[in-house]
N, C-alpha and C. Protein backbone atom coordinates (compact mmCIF):
# COMPACT_ATOMS: atom_id res chain seq x y z
N UNK A 1 -1.12 -26.64 35.98
CA UNK A 1 -0.77 -25.77 34.87
C UNK A 1 -0.40 -26.64 33.67
N UNK A 2 -1.11 -26.47 32.56
CA UNK A 2 -0.81 -27.22 31.35
C UNK A 2 0.47 -26.70 30.72
N UNK A 3 1.23 -27.58 30.13
CA UNK A 3 2.45 -27.14 29.46
C UNK A 3 2.89 -28.20 28.47
N UNK A 4 3.41 -27.75 27.36
CA UNK A 4 3.99 -28.68 26.42
C UNK A 4 3.58 -28.44 24.99
N UNK A 5 4.41 -28.96 24.08
CA UNK A 5 4.13 -28.83 22.66
C UNK A 5 3.30 -30.02 22.20
N UNK A 6 2.35 -29.73 21.33
CA UNK A 6 1.50 -30.75 20.74
C UNK A 6 1.46 -30.52 19.24
N UNK A 7 1.04 -31.53 18.53
CA UNK A 7 0.92 -31.42 17.08
C UNK A 7 -0.37 -32.08 16.63
N UNK A 8 -1.06 -31.42 15.71
CA UNK A 8 -2.21 -32.02 15.05
C UNK A 8 -1.88 -32.15 13.57
N UNK A 9 -2.57 -33.02 12.91
CA UNK A 9 -2.40 -33.18 11.47
C UNK A 9 -3.69 -32.76 10.79
N UNK A 10 -3.55 -31.85 9.83
CA UNK A 10 -4.70 -31.42 9.04
C UNK A 10 -4.34 -31.57 7.58
N UNK A 11 -5.04 -32.44 6.91
CA UNK A 11 -4.77 -32.81 5.51
C UNK A 11 -3.33 -33.31 5.42
N UNK A 12 -2.44 -32.57 4.77
CA UNK A 12 -1.06 -33.02 4.59
C UNK A 12 -0.07 -32.20 5.42
N UNK A 13 -0.57 -31.53 6.45
CA UNK A 13 0.26 -30.57 7.18
C UNK A 13 0.19 -30.81 8.68
N UNK A 14 1.34 -30.86 9.33
CA UNK A 14 1.40 -30.90 10.79
C UNK A 14 1.41 -29.48 11.32
N UNK A 15 0.55 -29.22 12.30
CA UNK A 15 0.49 -27.91 12.95
C UNK A 15 0.90 -28.10 14.40
N UNK A 16 1.99 -27.45 14.79
CA UNK A 16 2.49 -27.56 16.16
C UNK A 16 2.00 -26.37 16.97
N UNK A 17 1.75 -26.63 18.25
CA UNK A 17 1.32 -25.56 19.15
C UNK A 17 1.72 -25.91 20.57
N UNK A 18 1.87 -24.86 21.37
CA UNK A 18 2.21 -24.98 22.78
C UNK A 18 0.98 -24.63 23.59
N UNK A 19 0.78 -25.35 24.68
CA UNK A 19 -0.24 -25.00 25.66
C UNK A 19 0.48 -24.72 26.97
N UNK A 20 0.24 -23.56 27.54
CA UNK A 20 0.80 -23.23 28.84
C UNK A 20 -0.23 -22.46 29.64
N UNK A 21 -0.07 -22.43 30.94
CA UNK A 21 -0.91 -21.60 31.77
C UNK A 21 -1.86 -22.35 32.65
N UNK A 22 -2.84 -21.62 33.14
CA UNK A 22 -3.79 -22.13 34.13
C UNK A 22 -5.03 -22.69 33.44
N UNK A 23 -6.04 -22.91 34.26
CA UNK A 23 -7.33 -23.37 33.73
C UNK A 23 -8.25 -22.19 33.45
N UNK A 24 -7.69 -20.98 33.37
CA UNK A 24 -8.48 -19.79 33.09
C UNK A 24 -8.95 -19.75 31.64
N UNK A 25 -9.53 -18.63 31.22
CA UNK A 25 -9.99 -18.48 29.84
C UNK A 25 -8.85 -18.72 28.84
N UNK A 26 -9.19 -19.29 27.69
CA UNK A 26 -8.19 -19.62 26.69
C UNK A 26 -7.92 -18.44 25.76
N UNK A 27 -6.63 -18.15 25.58
CA UNK A 27 -6.18 -17.12 24.66
C UNK A 27 -5.27 -17.79 23.64
N UNK A 28 -5.54 -17.58 22.35
CA UNK A 28 -4.74 -18.17 21.27
C UNK A 28 -3.89 -17.06 20.66
N UNK A 29 -2.57 -17.29 20.64
CA UNK A 29 -1.61 -16.33 20.08
C UNK A 29 -1.20 -16.79 18.68
N UNK A 30 -1.19 -15.84 17.73
CA UNK A 30 -0.79 -16.10 16.35
C UNK A 30 0.32 -15.14 15.95
N UNK A 31 1.47 -15.68 15.61
CA UNK A 31 2.65 -14.88 15.26
C UNK A 31 2.52 -14.27 13.87
N UNK A 32 3.45 -13.39 13.55
CA UNK A 32 3.49 -12.75 12.25
C UNK A 32 4.28 -13.55 11.22
N UNK A 33 4.31 -13.04 10.00
CA UNK A 33 5.02 -13.66 8.89
C UNK A 33 6.49 -13.83 9.25
N UNK A 34 7.03 -14.99 8.94
CA UNK A 34 8.43 -15.36 9.18
C UNK A 34 8.75 -15.50 10.67
N UNK A 35 7.73 -15.52 11.52
CA UNK A 35 7.93 -15.69 12.95
C UNK A 35 7.60 -17.09 13.39
N UNK A 36 7.48 -17.26 14.69
CA UNK A 36 7.05 -18.53 15.27
C UNK A 36 6.47 -18.26 16.65
N UNK A 37 5.88 -19.28 17.22
CA UNK A 37 5.30 -19.14 18.55
C UNK A 37 6.35 -18.81 19.59
N UNK A 38 7.59 -19.16 19.32
CA UNK A 38 8.68 -18.92 20.27
C UNK A 38 8.79 -17.45 20.65
N UNK A 39 8.56 -16.54 19.70
CA UNK A 39 8.70 -15.11 20.00
C UNK A 39 7.58 -14.61 20.92
N UNK A 40 6.50 -15.37 21.06
CA UNK A 40 5.38 -14.97 21.90
C UNK A 40 5.43 -15.59 23.29
N UNK A 41 6.37 -16.49 23.52
CA UNK A 41 6.44 -17.19 24.81
C UNK A 41 6.64 -16.25 26.00
N UNK A 42 7.51 -15.24 25.95
CA UNK A 42 7.66 -14.38 27.13
C UNK A 42 6.34 -13.70 27.53
N UNK A 43 5.58 -13.26 26.56
CA UNK A 43 4.28 -12.65 26.86
C UNK A 43 3.33 -13.68 27.45
N UNK A 44 3.28 -14.86 26.84
CA UNK A 44 2.40 -15.92 27.34
C UNK A 44 2.78 -16.32 28.76
N UNK A 45 4.06 -16.44 29.03
CA UNK A 45 4.49 -16.83 30.37
C UNK A 45 4.11 -15.79 31.42
N UNK A 46 4.10 -14.51 31.01
CA UNK A 46 3.69 -13.45 31.93
C UNK A 46 2.19 -13.53 32.24
N UNK A 47 1.42 -14.12 31.35
CA UNK A 47 -0.04 -14.22 31.52
C UNK A 47 -0.49 -15.58 32.04
N UNK A 48 0.44 -16.52 32.15
CA UNK A 48 0.11 -17.92 32.42
C UNK A 48 -0.60 -18.15 33.75
N UNK A 49 -0.44 -17.28 34.70
CA UNK A 49 -1.09 -17.46 36.00
C UNK A 49 -2.61 -17.34 35.89
N UNK A 50 -3.08 -16.49 34.98
CA UNK A 50 -4.51 -16.20 34.89
C UNK A 50 -5.21 -16.77 33.67
N UNK A 51 -4.43 -17.22 32.67
CA UNK A 51 -5.03 -17.66 31.42
C UNK A 51 -4.43 -18.99 30.96
N UNK A 52 -5.16 -19.67 30.12
CA UNK A 52 -4.64 -20.83 29.40
C UNK A 52 -4.25 -20.30 28.03
N UNK A 53 -2.97 -20.44 27.67
CA UNK A 53 -2.45 -19.88 26.42
C UNK A 53 -2.15 -20.99 25.43
N UNK A 54 -2.54 -20.76 24.19
CA UNK A 54 -2.23 -21.66 23.09
C UNK A 54 -1.45 -20.84 22.07
N UNK A 55 -0.21 -21.25 21.80
CA UNK A 55 0.67 -20.53 20.88
C UNK A 55 0.90 -21.43 19.67
N UNK A 56 0.39 -21.01 18.53
CA UNK A 56 0.42 -21.85 17.33
C UNK A 56 1.58 -21.46 16.43
N UNK A 57 2.32 -22.47 15.95
CA UNK A 57 3.26 -22.27 14.84
C UNK A 57 2.44 -22.45 13.57
N UNK A 58 2.14 -21.36 12.89
CA UNK A 58 1.31 -21.46 11.70
C UNK A 58 2.06 -22.21 10.59
N UNK A 59 1.30 -22.78 9.68
CA UNK A 59 1.90 -23.60 8.60
C UNK A 59 3.03 -22.86 7.93
N UNK A 60 4.11 -23.59 7.65
CA UNK A 60 5.29 -23.00 7.03
C UNK A 60 6.21 -22.30 8.01
N UNK A 61 5.90 -22.35 9.29
CA UNK A 61 6.66 -21.61 10.31
C UNK A 61 6.98 -22.51 11.50
N UNK A 62 8.04 -22.15 12.21
CA UNK A 62 8.37 -22.84 13.46
C UNK A 62 8.48 -24.34 13.29
N UNK A 63 7.81 -25.07 14.17
CA UNK A 63 7.87 -26.53 14.16
C UNK A 63 6.75 -27.17 13.35
N UNK A 64 5.91 -26.37 12.73
CA UNK A 64 4.88 -26.91 11.84
C UNK A 64 5.53 -27.27 10.51
N UNK A 65 4.80 -27.98 9.66
CA UNK A 65 5.33 -28.38 8.36
C UNK A 65 5.89 -27.16 7.65
N UNK A 66 7.16 -27.23 7.28
CA UNK A 66 7.86 -26.08 6.69
C UNK A 66 7.47 -25.80 5.25
N UNK A 67 7.13 -26.84 4.50
CA UNK A 67 6.74 -26.67 3.09
C UNK A 67 5.40 -27.37 2.85
N UNK A 68 4.32 -26.79 3.39
CA UNK A 68 3.01 -27.41 3.21
C UNK A 68 2.56 -27.33 1.76
N UNK A 69 1.64 -28.19 1.41
CA UNK A 69 1.12 -28.20 0.04
C UNK A 69 0.38 -26.93 -0.32
N UNK A 70 -0.19 -26.26 0.68
CA UNK A 70 -0.94 -25.03 0.44
C UNK A 70 -0.51 -23.95 1.43
N UNK A 71 -0.40 -22.75 0.94
CA UNK A 71 -0.17 -21.58 1.79
C UNK A 71 -1.32 -20.58 1.65
N UNK A 72 -2.51 -21.10 1.33
CA UNK A 72 -3.66 -20.22 1.17
C UNK A 72 -4.09 -19.65 2.52
N UNK A 73 -4.62 -18.46 2.49
CA UNK A 73 -5.09 -17.83 3.72
C UNK A 73 -6.21 -18.68 4.34
N UNK A 74 -7.02 -19.31 3.48
CA UNK A 74 -8.08 -20.18 3.99
C UNK A 74 -7.50 -21.33 4.81
N UNK A 75 -6.41 -21.94 4.34
CA UNK A 75 -5.81 -23.03 5.09
C UNK A 75 -5.20 -22.56 6.41
N UNK A 76 -4.62 -21.37 6.44
CA UNK A 76 -4.13 -20.83 7.71
C UNK A 76 -5.29 -20.76 8.72
N UNK A 77 -6.42 -20.22 8.28
CA UNK A 77 -7.59 -20.10 9.16
C UNK A 77 -8.12 -21.47 9.57
N UNK A 78 -8.21 -22.39 8.63
CA UNK A 78 -8.72 -23.73 8.96
C UNK A 78 -7.82 -24.46 9.96
N UNK A 79 -6.51 -24.23 9.87
CA UNK A 79 -5.59 -24.81 10.85
C UNK A 79 -5.91 -24.31 12.25
N UNK A 80 -6.10 -23.00 12.38
CA UNK A 80 -6.38 -22.40 13.68
C UNK A 80 -7.73 -22.90 14.20
N UNK A 81 -8.71 -22.99 13.33
CA UNK A 81 -10.02 -23.52 13.72
C UNK A 81 -9.88 -24.93 14.28
N UNK A 82 -9.10 -25.76 13.63
CA UNK A 82 -8.88 -27.13 14.09
C UNK A 82 -8.23 -27.15 15.47
N UNK A 83 -7.22 -26.31 15.69
CA UNK A 83 -6.56 -26.26 17.00
C UNK A 83 -7.55 -25.79 18.07
N UNK A 84 -8.33 -24.76 17.78
CA UNK A 84 -9.32 -24.27 18.75
C UNK A 84 -10.31 -25.37 19.11
N UNK A 85 -10.80 -26.07 18.10
CA UNK A 85 -11.78 -27.13 18.36
C UNK A 85 -11.20 -28.24 19.24
N UNK A 86 -9.92 -28.49 19.12
CA UNK A 86 -9.28 -29.52 19.96
C UNK A 86 -8.95 -29.00 21.35
N UNK A 87 -8.52 -27.74 21.45
CA UNK A 87 -8.04 -27.20 22.73
C UNK A 87 -9.15 -26.60 23.59
N UNK A 88 -10.17 -26.10 22.96
CA UNK A 88 -11.24 -25.41 23.71
C UNK A 88 -12.60 -25.72 23.08
N UNK A 89 -13.00 -27.00 23.09
CA UNK A 89 -14.23 -27.38 22.39
C UNK A 89 -15.51 -26.81 22.99
N UNK A 90 -15.50 -26.48 24.27
CA UNK A 90 -16.72 -26.06 24.93
C UNK A 90 -16.81 -24.56 25.18
N UNK A 91 -15.73 -23.84 24.91
CA UNK A 91 -15.71 -22.41 25.27
C UNK A 91 -15.01 -21.59 24.19
N UNK A 92 -15.62 -20.46 23.77
CA UNK A 92 -14.95 -19.60 22.78
C UNK A 92 -13.64 -19.04 23.34
N UNK A 93 -12.72 -18.72 22.46
CA UNK A 93 -11.40 -18.24 22.84
C UNK A 93 -11.23 -16.77 22.49
N UNK A 94 -10.19 -16.17 23.05
CA UNK A 94 -9.74 -14.85 22.63
C UNK A 94 -8.58 -15.06 21.68
N UNK A 95 -8.62 -14.40 20.53
CA UNK A 95 -7.54 -14.49 19.55
C UNK A 95 -6.67 -13.24 19.63
N UNK A 96 -5.35 -13.44 19.67
CA UNK A 96 -4.39 -12.35 19.66
C UNK A 96 -3.43 -12.62 18.52
N UNK A 97 -3.37 -11.72 17.56
CA UNK A 97 -2.50 -11.94 16.42
C UNK A 97 -1.66 -10.73 16.10
N UNK A 98 -0.43 -10.99 15.68
CA UNK A 98 0.50 -9.94 15.29
C UNK A 98 0.71 -10.01 13.77
N UNK A 99 0.45 -8.93 13.06
CA UNK A 99 0.68 -8.84 11.62
C UNK A 99 -0.11 -9.94 10.89
N UNK A 100 0.57 -10.87 10.23
CA UNK A 100 -0.12 -11.95 9.53
C UNK A 100 -1.04 -12.71 10.48
N UNK A 101 -0.61 -12.87 11.72
CA UNK A 101 -1.44 -13.55 12.71
C UNK A 101 -2.73 -12.80 12.99
N UNK A 102 -2.67 -11.46 12.94
CA UNK A 102 -3.88 -10.65 13.09
C UNK A 102 -4.85 -10.89 11.95
N UNK A 103 -4.31 -11.00 10.75
CA UNK A 103 -5.15 -11.27 9.59
C UNK A 103 -5.79 -12.65 9.72
N UNK A 104 -5.01 -13.63 10.15
CA UNK A 104 -5.55 -14.97 10.36
C UNK A 104 -6.66 -14.93 11.41
N UNK A 105 -6.45 -14.17 12.49
CA UNK A 105 -7.46 -14.06 13.54
C UNK A 105 -8.78 -13.51 12.97
N UNK A 106 -8.71 -12.49 12.13
CA UNK A 106 -9.92 -11.94 11.51
C UNK A 106 -10.62 -12.99 10.64
N UNK A 107 -9.85 -13.75 9.88
CA UNK A 107 -10.43 -14.78 9.02
C UNK A 107 -11.12 -15.87 9.85
N UNK A 108 -10.49 -16.26 10.95
CA UNK A 108 -11.09 -17.26 11.84
C UNK A 108 -12.40 -16.73 12.43
N UNK A 109 -12.36 -15.50 12.93
CA UNK A 109 -13.55 -14.91 13.54
C UNK A 109 -14.69 -14.77 12.53
N UNK A 110 -14.35 -14.43 11.29
CA UNK A 110 -15.38 -14.30 10.26
C UNK A 110 -15.97 -15.65 9.88
N UNK A 111 -15.12 -16.67 9.79
CA UNK A 111 -15.57 -18.00 9.38
C UNK A 111 -16.31 -18.73 10.49
N UNK A 112 -15.85 -18.55 11.72
CA UNK A 112 -16.41 -19.30 12.86
C UNK A 112 -16.60 -18.40 14.08
N UNK A 113 -17.53 -17.46 14.03
CA UNK A 113 -17.72 -16.56 15.16
C UNK A 113 -18.11 -17.30 16.45
N UNK A 114 -18.64 -18.50 16.31
CA UNK A 114 -19.01 -19.28 17.49
C UNK A 114 -17.80 -19.74 18.31
N UNK A 115 -16.62 -19.75 17.71
CA UNK A 115 -15.40 -20.19 18.40
C UNK A 115 -14.64 -19.05 19.05
N UNK A 116 -15.05 -17.81 18.76
CA UNK A 116 -14.25 -16.64 19.17
C UNK A 116 -15.06 -15.75 20.11
N UNK A 117 -14.54 -15.56 21.32
CA UNK A 117 -15.17 -14.65 22.27
C UNK A 117 -14.82 -13.20 21.95
N UNK A 118 -13.55 -12.99 21.56
CA UNK A 118 -13.08 -11.65 21.16
C UNK A 118 -11.76 -11.80 20.45
N UNK A 119 -11.41 -10.79 19.69
CA UNK A 119 -10.12 -10.79 19.01
C UNK A 119 -9.47 -9.45 19.16
């Protein structure tokens, strides 16, 4: 079972994310505005037996860079795309987003449908 926090750097911003769960299909969780991946952990832990979960602290939130140079919606989507490409390079993921995270999920799916199995 994979577990632990990781960080990637994209341009001038660190994006932190947690990986937990099994070797099952990958599900990426995206929190809402003013939230963090921490609020999604209980749900992810309940699913960890059957899925590989990636919980992203979106830019400006949680353990990611708190004051990034850009807060554009495009950069939110590009951050998620970068995490997906690193965590699940060979298989499309399922995106689950709450509020702002849902909007980010739609932007990712529109920009890179090849990375998304469903949202």
